[in-house]
Structure formats: C-alpha cells, structure tokens
C-alpha cells in the first residue's frame, strides 16, 4: 500500500514540475532578438521619464526615455509611441578639475508596451530641456497647431527628427566613446554634476552596433 502511495506521489510531482517551470517562464521578461529592423540614422524622439542627476547615479543604473512619436519604416510602425528606450550607466569619466567630466550611457534596449524587450543600439543625436509650450498629451503637438513654436523669445523649441546637438543646456556636451569598435554615448560637462530635468527632450538615432 505504501509503495502504491509513493508511486502516485511521484507521478503527481512529475506532472507539477513542468507547470511550475511554465509559470516561472511566463513571469519572466520577454526578450526577442533582432526583432527591430530600422535603417541606420533613423531618428527616435523621446522624453526622459525621470530627472537625471549624475551625482546620484551608479554604474548599472537604468536611464529611461519614453518615445513620443511613432517610429515608422515607410508606412509601417516599427516602434509605437509610448515604448521605452532603456539605457544603462556604463561608467563615469572623472578627470582632474578643469577637464570634461562625463557619464557614459549604453542605450541598447527598447521595451514595448506588451512587455517585450528588444535590442536596438542607439546614440544621442540631440538633447534639450523640457519644452515650455503647452503640448497636447495625445498628439504631442502644440495646442495652437503651429509648425514651429516657441513659448517666447527665450523658450525652448520642440525637438524634431532633424534636430542635432545641445539646445539651451550651455554646460552639456554630447560625445561618443568608442571601445572595442562599439560607439557609446557620453554626456559631458565641465561641471562635476550633470543635471537634466524630467521630460527633457532627447532625439536618438539608430546606430550600427
């Protein structure tokens, strides 16, 4: 009788093990390799999800920016508005005072709305503070519908796919660090602190890894 009970218990455990493994697998982040195929130099317009303060960051910390415009290849939407560009702080460049201080950030992942994380190597093409013009939360366009808008003569332009460089951030410099033939964005400054507000504008461009 005991041997029969042991047999049924063993069968039950063997049946439950695949179910547990499947449950663990379903709860893990979904990753897809080579799921995004965009031409090099394709622009991706995004906004920082949280403020960026280099004094509070450590290597490995995430830096996230939410895409504000659908990214298309022809008429096909490849990256929808609302997806997350995800980067990681690689390391810091902390030279002697008077030289450029920098934060090297590796942007190599996009998280889609369904939770899928896909690899995509990106560089920073342009950066600016948050726009001070009223913006429609649905269309991400100015309320007055103008094609080119400034809040006033000292306002910040809305960055576009053709924007390049640094706007209204006089202490910030964009650059590229190349290690093992892989270019990685570096945000530099002569100050020992790089601070970017939440919703700061970033234009990424697709780069060959």
Foldseek 3Di string as FASTA:
>chain_A
DVVVVVVVVVVVVVVCVVVVVVVVVVPDFAEDEPLADDDFFQKFKWFWQAKDKPVPDDFFDKTKTFTQQFRDDVPHGRAHGGKIFIKTFHDWDDDPQPDKTKTWIWGFWIQHPVRYIYGFGKEWFEWEAAFPADADPPNRHGPVPDPWDAPDPPTDTDDDSPDGWYDPPVFWGWDWDADPNDTIIMIIGSDNIDIGGGGIMIMMTTDDD
